[in-house]
C-alpha atoms as a PDB file:
ATOM      1  CA  MET A   1     -10.033  -9.355  14.998  1.00  0.00           C
ATOM      2  CA  THR A   2      -8.640  -6.177  13.739  1.00  0.00           C
ATOM      3  CA  ALA A   3      -5.188  -5.324  11.811  1.00  0.00           C
ATOM      4  CA  THR A   4      -2.098  -5.111  14.033  1.00  0.00           C
ATOM      5  CA  ARG A   5      -0.240  -2.141  14.297  1.00  0.00           C
ATOM      6  CA  GLN A   6       3.470  -2.234  13.973  1.00  0.00           C
ATOM      7  CA  HIS A   7       5.865   0.208  15.592  1.00  0.00           C
ATOM      8  CA  VAL A   8       8.250   2.309  13.738  1.00  0.00           C
ATOM      9  CA  SER A   9      11.065   4.557  15.215  1.00  0.00           C
ATOM     10  CA  SER A  10       9.900   7.815  16.064  1.00  0.00           C
ATOM     11  CA  ASP A  11      13.056   9.470  14.745  1.00  0.00           C
ATOM     12  CA  LEU A  12      12.623   7.959  11.179  1.00  0.00           C
ATOM     13  CA  SER A  13       8.534   9.050  11.502  1.00  0.00           C
ATOM     14  CA  GLN A  14       9.349  12.729  12.349  1.00  0.00           C
ATOM     15  CA  ARG A  15      11.901  12.889   9.762  1.00  0.00           C
ATOM     16  CA  VAL A  16       9.479  11.402   7.041  1.00  0.00           C
ATOM     17  CA  ARG A  17       7.059  13.857   8.535  1.00  0.00           C
ATOM     18  CA  SER A  18       9.083  16.865   8.092  1.00  0.00           C
ATOM     19  CA  VAL A  19       9.320  16.429   4.345  1.00  0.00           C
ATOM     20  CA  ILE A  20       5.630  15.324   3.688  1.00  0.00           C
ATOM     21  CA  ARG A  21       4.211  18.064   2.106  1.00  0.00           C
ATOM     22  CA  ASN A  22       0.686  18.987   3.081  1.00  0.00           C
ATOM     23  CA  VAL A  23      -1.834  20.463   0.273  1.00  0.00           C
ATOM     24  CA  PRO A  24      -4.966  21.845   1.914  1.00  0.00           C
ATOM     25  CA  ASP A  25      -8.189  21.672  -0.459  1.00  0.00           C
ATOM     26  CA  PHE A  26      -6.640  18.649  -2.953  1.00  0.00           C
ATOM     27  CA  PRO A  27      -8.166  17.264  -4.908  1.00  0.00           C
ATOM     28  CA  LYS A  28     -11.550  18.817  -3.476  1.00  0.00           C
ATOM     29  CA  PRO A  29     -12.132  21.568  -0.813  1.00  0.00           C
ATOM     30  CA  GLY A  30     -11.688  20.173   2.705  1.00  0.00           C
ATOM     31  CA  ILE A  31      -9.284  17.386   1.772  1.00  0.00           C
ATOM     32  CA  LEU A  32      -5.687  17.890   3.279  1.00  0.00           C
ATOM     33  CA  PHE A  33      -3.551  15.907   0.687  1.00  0.00           C
ATOM     34  CA  ARG A  34      -0.435  14.477   1.940  1.00  0.00           C
ATOM     35  CA  ASP A  35       2.021  14.642  -1.045  1.00  0.00           C
ATOM     36  CA  ILE A  36       4.938  12.099  -1.180  1.00  0.00           C
ATOM     37  CA  THR A  37       6.773  13.709  -4.137  1.00  0.00           C
ATOM     38  CA  THR A  38       8.828  15.732  -1.676  1.00  0.00           C
ATOM     39  CA  LEU A  39       9.878  12.431   0.061  1.00  0.00           C
ATOM     40  CA  LEU A  40      11.030  11.027  -3.166  1.00  0.00           C
ATOM     41  CA  LEU A  41      13.412  13.895  -3.805  1.00  0.00           C
ATOM     42  CA  ARG A  42      15.325  12.524  -0.934  1.00  0.00           C
ATOM     43  CA  PRO A  43      16.685   9.146  -1.918  1.00  0.00           C
ATOM     44  CA  ASP A  44      18.460   8.934   1.391  1.00  0.00           C
ATOM     45  CA  LEU A  45      14.959   9.229   3.185  1.00  0.00           C
ATOM     46  CA  MET A  46      13.303   7.108   0.831  1.00  0.00           C
ATOM     47  CA  GLN A  47      15.623   4.394   1.189  1.00  0.00           C
ATOM     48  CA  GLU A  48      15.342   4.419   4.842  1.00  0.00           C
ATOM     49  CA  SER A  49      11.679   4.454   4.505  1.00  0.00           C
ATOM     50  CA  LEU A  50      11.496   1.397   2.097  1.00  0.00           C
ATOM     51  CA  GLU A  51      13.715  -0.639   4.483  1.00  0.00           C
ATOM     52  CA  GLU A  52      11.330   0.258   7.490  1.00  0.00           C
ATOM     53  CA  MET A  53       8.227  -0.792   5.487  1.00  0.00           C
ATOM     54  CA  TRP A  54       9.841  -4.046   4.437  1.00  0.00           C
ATOM     55  CA  ARG A  55      11.501  -4.647   7.865  1.00  0.00           C
ATOM     56  CA  PRO A  56       8.301  -6.755   9.424  1.00  0.00           C
ATOM     57  CA  PHE A  57       7.799  -8.940   6.399  1.00  0.00           C
ATOM     58  CA  ASP A  58      11.642  -9.975   5.732  1.00  0.00           C
ATOM     59  CA  GLY A  59      12.055 -13.566   4.869  1.00  0.00           C
ATOM     60  CA  GLN A  60       8.309 -13.896   4.461  1.00  0.00           C
ATOM     61  CA  VAL A  61       7.712 -12.752   0.934  1.00  0.00           C
ATOM     62  CA  ASP A  62       8.064 -14.374  -2.378  1.00  0.00           C
ATOM     63  CA  ILE A  63       6.112 -11.454  -4.335  1.00  0.00           C
ATOM     64  CA  ILE A  64       5.755  -7.771  -3.609  1.00  0.00           C
ATOM     65  CA  ALA A  65       2.365  -6.347  -5.207  1.00  0.00           C
ATOM     66  CA  GLY A  66       1.980  -2.630  -5.472  1.00  0.00           C
ATOM     67  CA  ILE A  67      -1.442  -0.426  -5.898  1.00  0.00           C
ATOM     68  CA  GLU A  68      -1.849   2.108  -8.564  1.00  0.00           C
ATOM     69  CA  SER A  69      -0.133   4.373  -8.662  1.00  0.00           C
ATOM     70  CA  ARG A  70       2.143   5.541  -5.866  1.00  0.00           C
ATOM     71  CA  GLY A  71       2.199   2.166  -4.721  1.00  0.00           C
ATOM     72  CA  PHE A  72       4.179   1.135  -8.027  1.00  0.00           C
ATOM     73  CA  LEU A  73       6.545   3.682  -6.927  1.00  0.00           C
ATOM     74  CA  LEU A  74       7.354   2.156  -3.612  1.00  0.00           C
ATOM     75  CA  GLY A  75       6.646  -1.627  -4.570  1.00  0.00           C
ATOM     76  CA  ALA A  76       8.769  -1.406  -7.606  1.00  0.00           C
ATOM     77  CA  ALA A  77      11.450  -0.095  -5.625  1.00  0.00           C
ATOM     78  CA  LEU A  78      11.374  -2.538  -2.821  1.00  0.00           C
ATOM     79  CA  SER A  79      11.028  -5.729  -5.315  1.00  0.00           C
ATOM     80  CA  VAL A  80      14.478  -4.535  -7.139  1.00  0.00           C
ATOM     81  CA  THR A  81      16.298  -4.026  -3.970  1.00  0.00           C
ATOM     82  CA  LYS A  82      14.808  -7.391  -2.477  1.00  0.00           C
ATOM     83  CA  GLY A  83      15.078  -9.387  -6.066  1.00  0.00           C
ATOM     84  CA  LEU A  84      11.556 -10.498  -5.712  1.00  0.00           C
ATOM     85  CA  PRO A  85       8.826 -10.067  -8.535  1.00  0.00           C
ATOM     86  CA  PHE A  86       6.931  -7.089  -8.854  1.00  0.00           C
ATOM     87  CA  VAL A  87       2.771  -7.582  -9.636  1.00  0.00           C
ATOM     88  CA  PRO A  88       1.042  -4.094 -10.605  1.00  0.00           C
ATOM     89  CA  LEU A  89      -2.793  -4.083  -9.300  1.00  0.00           C
ATOM     90  CA  ARG A  90      -4.488  -1.467 -11.839  1.00  0.00           C
ATOM     91  CA  LYS A  91      -7.624   0.236 -12.405  1.00  0.00           C
ATOM     92  CA  PRO A  92      -9.429  -1.497 -15.224  1.00  0.00           C
ATOM     93  CA  GLY A  93      -8.470  -1.667 -18.607  1.00  0.00           C
ATOM     94  CA  LYS A  94      -4.891  -0.906 -18.002  1.00  0.00           C
ATOM     95  CA  LEU A  95      -3.340  -4.391 -18.229  1.00  0.00           C
ATOM     96  CA  PRO A  96      -2.988  -5.923 -21.502  1.00  0.00           C
ATOM     97  CA  ALA A  97      -3.455  -9.839 -21.003  1.00  0.00           C
ATOM     98  CA  GLU A  98      -6.200 -11.975 -19.112  1.00  0.00           C
ATOM     99  CA  THR A  99      -7.001 -10.174 -15.982  1.00  0.00           C
ATOM    100  CA  ILE A 100      -9.129 -10.544 -12.750  1.00  0.00           C
ATOM    101  CA  ARG A 101     -11.340  -7.889 -11.213  1.00  0.00           C
ATOM    102  CA  GLU A 102     -12.333  -7.046  -7.689  1.00  0.00           C
ATOM    103  CA  SER A 103     -14.755  -4.062  -7.194  1.00  0.00           C
ATOM    104  CA  TYR A 104     -14.844  -1.997  -4.024  1.00  0.00           C
ATOM    105  CA  THR A 105     -17.389   0.665  -2.715  1.00  0.00           C
ATOM    106  CA  LEU A 106     -16.261   4.210  -2.545  1.00  0.00           C
ATOM    107  CA  GLU A 107     -17.854   7.230  -0.512  1.00  0.00           C
ATOM    108  CA  TYR A 108     -19.370   8.232  -3.744  1.00  0.00           C
ATOM    109  CA  GLY A 109     -19.659   4.866  -5.828  1.00  0.00           C
ATOM    110  CA  THR A 110     -17.625   2.068  -6.814  1.00  0.00           C
ATOM    111  CA  ASP A 111     -14.377   1.393  -8.144  1.00  0.00           C
ATOM    112  CA  ALA A 112     -12.222  -1.806  -9.084  1.00  0.00           C
ATOM    113  CA  LEU A 113      -8.755  -3.245  -9.465  1.00  0.00           C
ATOM    114  CA  GLU A 114      -7.236  -5.410 -11.931  1.00  0.00           C
ATOM    115  CA  MET A 115      -4.573  -7.709 -11.827  1.00  0.00           C
ATOM    116  CA  HIS A 116      -2.930 -10.130 -14.254  1.00  0.00           C
ATOM    117  CA  ARG A 117      -4.587 -13.688 -13.753  1.00  0.00           C
ATOM    118  CA  ASP A 118      -1.147 -15.418 -13.806  1.00  0.00           C
ATOM    119  CA  ALA A 119       1.003 -12.851 -11.891  1.00  0.00           C
ATOM    120  CA  VAL A 120       0.702 -14.675  -8.447  1.00  0.00           C
ATOM    121  CA  SER A 121       0.776 -18.829  -8.277  1.00  0.00           C
ATOM    122  CA  ALA A 122      -1.215 -20.638  -5.737  1.00  0.00           C
ATOM    123  CA  GLY A 123       0.666 -20.309  -2.112  1.00  0.00           C
ATOM    124  CA  SER A 124       2.748 -17.675  -3.066  1.00  0.00           C
ATOM    125  CA  ARG A 125       3.326 -15.035  -0.257  1.00  0.00           C
ATOM    126  CA  VAL A 126       2.504 -11.689  -1.076  1.00  0.00           C
ATOM    127  CA  LEU A 127       3.178  -8.457   0.489  1.00  0.00           C
ATOM    128  CA  ILE A 128       0.762  -5.336  -0.507  1.00  0.00           C
ATOM    129  CA  VAL A 129       2.362  -2.274  -0.869  1.00  0.00           C
ATOM    130  CA  ASP A 130       0.916   1.342  -1.314  1.00  0.00           C
ATOM    131  CA  ASP A 131       1.520   4.970   0.129  1.00  0.00           C
ATOM    132  CA  LEU A 132      -1.758   5.591   1.903  1.00  0.00           C
ATOM    133  CA  LEU A 133      -4.099   3.848   3.855  1.00  0.00           C
ATOM    134  CA  ALA A 134      -7.143   5.929   4.323  1.00  0.00           C
ATOM    135  CA  THR A 135     -10.660   4.033   4.195  1.00  0.00           C
ATOM    136  CA  GLY A 136      -9.246   0.585   3.305  1.00  0.00           C
ATOM    137  CA  GLY A 137     -11.328  -0.291   0.624  1.00  0.00           C
ATOM    138  CA  THR A 138      -8.676  -0.270  -2.146  1.00  0.00           C
ATOM    139  CA  ALA A 139      -6.295  -1.948   0.220  1.00  0.00           C
ATOM    140  CA  ALA A 140      -9.100  -4.905   0.797  1.00  0.00           C
ATOM    141  CA  ALA A 141      -9.666  -5.328  -2.946  1.00  0.00           C
ATOM    142  CA  ALA A 142      -6.111  -5.834  -3.399  1.00  0.00           C
ATOM    143  CA  ALA A 143      -6.075  -8.674  -0.866  1.00  0.00           C
ATOM    144  CA  ARG A 144      -8.873 -10.159  -2.183  1.00  0.00           C
ATOM    145  CA  LEU A 145      -7.357 -10.115  -5.768  1.00  0.00           C
ATOM    146  CA  VAL A 146      -4.256 -11.651  -4.379  1.00  0.00           C
ATOM    147  CA  GLU A 147      -6.543 -14.470  -2.542  1.00  0.00           C
ATOM    148  CA  HIS A 148      -8.763 -15.146  -5.425  1.00  0.00           C
ATOM    149  CA  VAL A 149      -5.739 -16.753  -7.404  1.00  0.00           C
ATOM    150  CA  GLY A 150      -4.571 -18.813  -4.333  1.00  0.00           C
ATOM    151  CA  GLY A 151      -1.680 -16.283  -3.233  1.00  0.00           C
ATOM    152  CA  ARG A 152      -1.570 -15.783   0.665  1.00  0.00           C
ATOM    153  CA  VAL A 153      -1.381 -12.032   1.863  1.00  0.00           C
ATOM    154  CA  VAL A 154       1.902 -11.941   4.403  1.00  0.00           C
ATOM    155  CA  GLY A 155       0.599  -8.456   4.918  1.00  0.00           C
ATOM    156  CA  LEU A 156       0.312  -4.821   3.870  1.00  0.00           C
ATOM    157  CA  SER A 157       2.996  -2.020   4.325  1.00  0.00           C
ATOM    158  CA  PHE A 158       2.119   1.704   3.838  1.00  0.00           C
ATOM    159  CA  LEU A 159       3.646   4.772   4.093  1.00  0.00           C
ATOM    160  CA  ILE A 160       1.137   6.930   5.607  1.00  0.00           C
ATOM    161  CA  GLU A 161      -1.989   5.994   7.358  1.00  0.00           C
ATOM    162  CA  LEU A 162      -4.806   8.267   8.169  1.00  0.00           C
ATOM    163  CA  VAL A 163      -5.941   6.907  11.254  1.00  0.00           C
ATOM    164  CA  GLY A 164      -9.219   8.681  11.518  1.00  0.00           C
ATOM    165  CA  LEU A 165     -10.711   6.955   8.559  1.00  0.00           C
ATOM    166  CA  GLY A 166     -10.680   3.722  10.298  1.00  0.00           C
ATOM    167  CA  GLY A 167      -9.030   2.072   6.902  1.00  0.00           C
ATOM    168  CA  ARG A 168      -7.223  -0.877   9.140  1.00  0.00           C
ATOM    169  CA  ASP A 169     -10.569  -2.194  10.501  1.00  0.00           C
ATOM    170  CA  ARG A 170     -11.617  -3.173   6.704  1.00  0.00           C
ATOM    171  CA  LEU A 171      -8.721  -5.251   6.554  1.00  0.00           C
ATOM    172  CA  GLY A 172      -9.306  -7.808   8.928  1.00  0.00           C
ATOM    173  CA  ASP A 173      -6.744  -9.734  10.689  1.00  0.00           C
ATOM    174  CA  ALA A 174      -4.001  -8.817   8.353  1.00  0.00           C
ATOM    175  CA  SER A 175      -0.459  -7.739   9.246  1.00  0.00           C
ATOM    176  CA  VAL A 176      -0.664  -4.005   8.667  1.00  0.00           C
ATOM    177  CA  HIS A 177       2.745  -1.920   8.895  1.00  0.00           C
ATOM    178  CA  VAL A 178       2.498   1.816   8.600  1.00  0.00           C
ATOM    179  CA  LEU A 179       5.600   4.216   8.598  1.00  0.00           C
ATOM    180  CA  LEU A 180       3.954   7.250   9.687  1.00  0.00           C
ATOM    181  CA  ALA A 181       0.277   8.014  11.061  1.00  0.00           C
ATOM    182  CA  TYR A 182      -1.884  10.838  11.007  1.00  0.00           C
ATOM    183  CA  ASP A 183      -4.668  10.986  13.536  1.00  0.00           C
ATOM    184  CA  GLU A 184      -6.697  13.549  11.460  1.00  0.00           C
ATOM    185  CA  ALA A 185      -7.825  12.806   8.110  1.00  0.00           C
END
């Protein structure tokens, strides 16, 4: 089974799309970078976006986990507005206490995410948040981290999905919610 697609109002998607800055050839030639810093300049639109990222999971979440680094911005903001704990999912060596690690494959090698071992209790319902779903490797590793300590991933919520990169396929039957989809990578 593949991850489910949630639908977002076309009005909100269009307004968010209109403020996302496209930066060609960043971080390397041939890449079109979707820069959300321009959205961060619009607190009104950010608030609407966060509410939409939350909507399908309302009442189902005990903890919000954010993937380094822009997932921290979105996830921490959601956790404060919803009164829920926030768990950072970080690159190796950045967390001070005992951690668990999950490696994943990239086009050009491997990377890993870490989480404090005691950040998620067994049975906790976790929403994973990030700015971008591309190939899905990082998001899948984030879900495995939560599940490794007995947490239950209720869903993954992203601001943007690059549909052509097939990241959703790596997330199994997870509930995936995306505010803005780009068909081209």
